[in-house]
C-alpha atoms as a PDB file:
ATOM      1  CA  ARG A   1      40.683  -9.438  13.579  1.00  0.00           C
ATOM      2  CA  ALA A   2      39.043  -6.619  15.185  1.00  0.00           C
ATOM      3  CA  ASN A   3      39.659  -5.391  18.558  1.00  0.00           C
ATOM      4  CA  LEU A   4      35.532  -4.294  19.016  1.00  0.00           C
ATOM      5  CA  ARG A   5      34.223  -5.266  22.118  1.00  0.00           C
ATOM      6  CA  PHE A   6      29.871  -6.402  22.180  1.00  0.00           C
ATOM      7  CA  VAL A   7      27.677  -6.181  24.425  1.00  0.00           C
ATOM      8  CA  HIS A   8      24.295  -9.111  24.064  1.00  0.00           C
ATOM      9  CA  GLY A   9      21.544  -6.994  25.355  1.00  0.00           C
ATOM     10  CA  THR A  10      18.705  -6.082  24.093  1.00  0.00           C
ATOM     11  CA  ARG A  11      17.819  -2.600  22.565  1.00  0.00           C
ATOM     12  CA  GLU A  12      17.069   0.672  25.387  1.00  0.00           C
ATOM     13  CA  PHE A  13      14.814   3.288  23.916  1.00  0.00           C
ATOM     14  CA  VAL A  14      16.299   6.394  24.370  1.00  0.00           C
ATOM     15  CA  THR A  15      13.815   9.186  26.150  1.00  0.00           C
ATOM     16  CA  GLY A  16      14.477  12.335  27.867  1.00  0.00           C
ATOM     17  CA  PRO A  17      12.573  14.238  30.094  1.00  0.00           C
ATOM     18  CA  ARG A  18       9.647  12.851  31.732  1.00  0.00           C
ATOM     19  CA  GLY A  19      10.324   9.601  29.853  1.00  0.00           C
ATOM     20  CA  LEU A  20       9.209  11.147  26.573  1.00  0.00           C
ATOM     21  CA  PRO A  21      10.587  10.162  23.825  1.00  0.00           C
ATOM     22  CA  LEU A  22      13.553  12.727  22.388  1.00  0.00           C
ATOM     23  CA  PHE A  23      13.045  12.351  18.868  1.00  0.00           C
ATOM     24  CA  LYS A  24       9.996  13.852  16.823  1.00  0.00           C
ATOM     25  CA  PRO A  25       7.318  10.907  16.425  1.00  0.00           C
ATOM     26  CA  PRO A  26       6.361   8.316  14.278  1.00  0.00           C
ATOM     27  CA  TYR A  27       8.336   5.911  16.305  1.00  0.00           C
ATOM     28  CA  GLY A  28       8.094   2.675  13.763  1.00  0.00           C
ATOM     29  CA  ARG A  29       5.604   3.319  10.777  1.00  0.00           C
ATOM     30  CA  ILE A  30       3.892   1.701   7.979  1.00  0.00           C
ATOM     31  CA  THR A  31       4.586   2.479   4.842  1.00  0.00           C
ATOM     32  CA  ALA A  32       3.090   1.393   1.499  1.00  0.00           C
ATOM     33  CA  ILE A  33       5.384   1.624  -1.223  1.00  0.00           C
ATOM     34  CA  ASN A  34       4.451   1.477  -5.742  1.00  0.00           C
ATOM     35  CA  LEU A  35       7.034  -0.500  -6.582  1.00  0.00           C
ATOM     36  CA  ASN A  36       6.710   0.326 -10.154  1.00  0.00           C
ATOM     37  CA  THR A  37       7.017   3.935  -9.829  1.00  0.00           C
ATOM     38  CA  GLY A  38       8.532   3.935  -6.505  1.00  0.00           C
ATOM     39  CA  ASP A  39       5.412   6.777  -4.788  1.00  0.00           C
ATOM     40  CA  HIS A  40       4.851   6.277  -1.034  1.00  0.00           C
ATOM     41  CA  VAL A  41       0.672   5.360  -1.186  1.00  0.00           C
ATOM     42  CA  TRP A  42       0.160   5.458   2.302  1.00  0.00           C
ATOM     43  CA  MET A  43       1.732   5.851   5.605  1.00  0.00           C
ATOM     44  CA  GLN A  44       0.311   5.294   9.173  1.00  0.00           C
ATOM     45  CA  PRO A  45       2.340   4.662  12.729  1.00  0.00           C
ATOM     46  CA  ASN A  46       2.514   1.405  13.782  1.00  0.00           C
ATOM     47  CA  GLY A  47       0.894   1.534  16.899  1.00  0.00           C
ATOM     48  CA  ASP A  48      -0.684   4.547  20.236  1.00  0.00           C
ATOM     49  CA  GLY A  49       2.918   5.354  20.912  1.00  0.00           C
ATOM     50  CA  PRO A  50       3.447   6.762  24.768  1.00  0.00           C
ATOM     51  CA  ARG A  51       0.538   8.634  23.977  1.00  0.00           C
ATOM     52  CA  ASP A  52      -1.048   7.563  27.432  1.00  0.00           C
ATOM     53  CA  HIS A  53       1.865   8.895  28.675  1.00  0.00           C
ATOM     54  CA  PRO A  54       0.806  10.984  32.033  1.00  0.00           C
ATOM     55  CA  ALA A  55       2.547  14.364  30.289  1.00  0.00           C
ATOM     56  CA  ILE A  56       1.119  14.567  27.482  1.00  0.00           C
ATOM     57  CA  LYS A  57      -2.588  12.339  27.877  1.00  0.00           C
ATOM     58  CA  HIS A  58      -4.152  15.653  28.152  1.00  0.00           C
ATOM     59  CA  LEU A  59      -3.135  16.220  24.847  1.00  0.00           C
ATOM     60  CA  ASN A  60      -5.351  13.257  22.867  1.00  0.00           C
ATOM     61  CA  LEU A  61      -3.037  13.276  20.582  1.00  0.00           C
ATOM     62  CA  PRO A  62      -3.222  10.494  17.087  1.00  0.00           C
ATOM     63  CA  PRO A  63      -1.057   7.519  16.785  1.00  0.00           C
ATOM     64  CA  LEU A  64       2.547   8.112  17.566  1.00  0.00           C
ATOM     65  CA  GLY A  65       3.487   5.083  16.466  1.00  0.00           C
ATOM     66  CA  GLN A  66       6.040   1.605  18.564  1.00  0.00           C
ATOM     67  CA  PRO A  67       8.722   0.785  18.190  1.00  0.00           C
ATOM     68  CA  GLY A  68       9.675  -2.840  17.536  1.00  0.00           C
ATOM     69  CA  ARG A  69      10.385  -4.902  14.578  1.00  0.00           C
ATOM     70  CA  ALA A  70       6.935  -5.683  13.011  1.00  0.00           C
ATOM     71  CA  SER A  71       6.293  -8.221  10.601  1.00  0.00           C
ATOM     72  CA  PRO A  72       3.419  -8.110   8.265  1.00  0.00           C
ATOM     73  CA  LEU A  73       1.460 -10.761   6.648  1.00  0.00           C
ATOM     74  CA  LEU A  74      -0.514  -9.503   3.281  1.00  0.00           C
ATOM     75  CA  THR A  75      -3.870 -11.022   1.958  1.00  0.00           C
ATOM     76  CA  LYS A  76      -5.436 -10.209  -1.042  1.00  0.00           C
ATOM     77  CA  THR A  77      -7.125  -7.189   0.243  1.00  0.00           C
ATOM     78  CA  LEU A  78      -5.635  -6.495   3.921  1.00  0.00           C
ATOM     79  CA  LEU A  79      -2.354  -5.985   6.090  1.00  0.00           C
ATOM     80  CA  PHE A  80      -2.034  -7.367   9.109  1.00  0.00           C
ATOM     81  CA  VAL A  81       0.890  -6.563  11.755  1.00  0.00           C
ATOM     82  CA  GLY A  82       1.556  -6.299  15.059  1.00  0.00           C
ATOM     83  CA  GLU A  83       3.265  -3.653  17.384  1.00  0.00           C
ATOM     84  CA  GLY A  84       6.484  -4.853  17.428  1.00  0.00           C
ATOM     85  CA  ASP A  85       8.763  -7.415  19.249  1.00  0.00           C
ATOM     86  CA  PRO A  86       8.191  -6.305  23.315  1.00  0.00           C
ATOM     87  CA  ILE A  87      11.169  -9.325  24.563  1.00  0.00           C
ATOM     88  CA  ASN A  88      14.100  -7.266  22.141  1.00  0.00           C
ATOM     89  CA  VAL A  89      12.648  -4.282  21.964  1.00  0.00           C
ATOM     90  CA  ARG A  90      12.093  -2.188  25.122  1.00  0.00           C
ATOM     91  CA  THR A  91       9.650   1.006  24.462  1.00  0.00           C
ATOM     92  CA  PRO A  92       9.368   4.302  26.486  1.00  0.00           C
ATOM     93  CA  PRO A  93       6.608   4.412  29.636  1.00  0.00           C
ATOM     94  CA  GLY A  94       2.758   4.755  28.694  1.00  0.00           C
ATOM     95  CA  GLY A  95       3.963   2.695  25.277  1.00  0.00           C
ATOM     96  CA  GLY A  96       1.058   0.348  23.852  1.00  0.00           C
ATOM     97  CA  GLY A  97       3.018  -2.860  21.854  1.00  0.00           C
ATOM     98  CA  LYS A  98       0.647  -5.942  22.227  1.00  0.00           C
ATOM     99  CA  LYS A  99      -2.331  -4.176  19.790  1.00  0.00           C
ATOM    100  CA  PHE A 100      -2.799  -6.290  16.310  1.00  0.00           C
ATOM    101  CA  ARG A 101      -4.121  -4.570  13.232  1.00  0.00           C
ATOM    102  CA  ALA A 102      -5.487  -5.607   9.687  1.00  0.00           C
ATOM    103  CA  TYR A 103      -5.275  -2.524   7.351  1.00  0.00           C
ATOM    104  CA  ASP A 104      -7.282  -1.772   3.970  1.00  0.00           C
ATOM    105  CA  LYS A 105      -4.149  -2.565   1.977  1.00  0.00           C
ATOM    106  CA  ALA A 106      -4.920  -0.397  -0.903  1.00  0.00           C
ATOM    107  CA  ALA A 107      -5.787   2.810   2.025  1.00  0.00           C
ATOM    108  CA  GLY A 108      -3.640   2.049   5.094  1.00  0.00           C
ATOM    109  CA  ALA A 109      -7.000   2.677   6.439  1.00  0.00           C
ATOM    110  CA  VAL A 110      -7.239   0.093   9.793  1.00  0.00           C
ATOM    111  CA  VAL A 111     -10.184  -1.887   9.344  1.00  0.00           C
ATOM    112  CA  TRP A 112     -10.197  -4.059  12.265  1.00  0.00           C
ATOM    113  CA  GLU A 113      -7.841  -4.431  15.835  1.00  0.00           C
ATOM    114  CA  THR A 114      -7.427  -6.248  19.173  1.00  0.00           C
ATOM    115  CA  GLU A 115      -5.618  -6.440  21.924  1.00  0.00           C
ATOM    116  CA  PHE A 116      -3.532  -9.870  22.987  1.00  0.00           C
ATOM    117  CA  PRO A 117      -2.315 -10.266  26.757  1.00  0.00           C
ATOM    118  CA  ALA A 118       1.884  -9.545  24.977  1.00  0.00           C
ATOM    119  CA  GLY A 119       3.125  -8.268  21.824  1.00  0.00           C
ATOM    120  CA  THR A 120       4.229  -9.809  18.889  1.00  0.00           C
ATOM    121  CA  THR A 121       7.133 -11.788  18.677  1.00  0.00           C
ATOM    122  CA  GLY A 122       6.688 -13.480  15.080  1.00  0.00           C
ATOM    123  CA  ALA A 123       5.466 -13.428  11.453  1.00  0.00           C
ATOM    124  CA  PRO A 124       1.541 -14.012  11.158  1.00  0.00           C
ATOM    125  CA  MET A 125       1.347 -16.724   8.505  1.00  0.00           C
ATOM    126  CA  THR A 126      -2.426 -17.731   7.195  1.00  0.00           C
ATOM    127  CA  TYR A 127      -3.374 -21.442   6.060  1.00  0.00           C
ATOM    128  CA  LEU A 128      -7.103 -22.683   5.444  1.00  0.00           C
ATOM    129  CA  TYR A 129      -8.755 -25.354   6.584  1.00  0.00           C
ATOM    130  CA  LYS A 130     -12.126 -26.518   5.660  1.00  0.00           C
ATOM    131  CA  GLY A 131     -13.282 -23.526   2.913  1.00  0.00           C
ATOM    132  CA  LYS A 132     -11.767 -21.083   6.708  1.00  0.00           C
ATOM    133  CA  GLN A 133      -8.737 -19.031   6.068  1.00  0.00           C
ATOM    134  CA  TYR A 134      -7.076 -18.628   9.875  1.00  0.00           C
ATOM    135  CA  ILE A 135      -4.525 -16.143  10.758  1.00  0.00           C
ATOM    136  CA  VAL A 136      -2.146 -17.185  13.434  1.00  0.00           C
ATOM    137  CA  VAL A 137       0.643 -15.241  15.568  1.00  0.00           C
ATOM    138  CA  ALA A 138       3.204 -15.882  17.710  1.00  0.00           C
ATOM    139  CA  ILE A 139       3.538 -13.200  21.111  1.00  0.00           C
ATOM    140  CA  GLY A 140       4.647 -13.093  24.422  1.00  0.00           C
ATOM    141  CA  SER A 141       6.865 -10.962  26.611  1.00  0.00           C
ATOM    142  CA  VAL A 142       8.983 -11.858  30.147  1.00  0.00           C
ATOM    143  CA  ASP A 143       5.632 -11.603  32.058  1.00  0.00           C
ATOM    144  CA  HIS A 144       3.711 -13.844  29.696  1.00  0.00           C
ATOM    145  CA  PRO A 145       4.248 -17.180  28.124  1.00  0.00           C
ATOM    146  CA  ALA A 146       4.920 -17.789  24.287  1.00  0.00           C
ATOM    147  CA  GLU A 147       1.874 -18.865  22.883  1.00  0.00           C
ATOM    148  CA  PHE A 148      -0.112 -18.925  19.186  1.00  0.00           C
ATOM    149  CA  VAL A 149      -3.007 -17.129  19.058  1.00  0.00           C
ATOM    150  CA  ALA A 150      -5.162 -18.639  15.893  1.00  0.00           C
ATOM    151  CA  LEU A 151      -8.001 -16.121  14.960  1.00  0.00           C
ATOM    152  CA  ALA A 152     -10.330 -16.993  12.098  1.00  0.00           C
ATOM    153  CA  LEU A 153     -11.673 -14.151   9.269  1.00  0.00           C
ATOM    154  CA  PRO A 154     -14.739 -14.060   8.704  1.00  0.00           C
END
């Protein structure tokens, strides 16, 4: 038995002056690790983050990363991942959150991206139908109903 009090709620993104993050970026990142050696093969910020915030937009910063719980899907050559769960993780003003990207598995370069009407809320999955491969991902937010989006691979 414990005397701790628990509060049910969402995680809040702590902001500082002008609503910008207090901490140094990246605010969310993807790290590819060689499991045989433990070496970090590549790292990329996951998402744009608040780089379009009015106070810093003129700096033309590279992607800063997006806080969230992103679930990846790894195929033979690509890594698919969204920017995270917009329902349970609050983002700073000007933050992203709706993009879904495919990274080159070996090098970490973004080879494709799209923006959904809402952020990803679940792990992507893949299936093969009549010889064509598809990626399906769940999206949704407080102002967009939950739905599945299916994408066909070339």
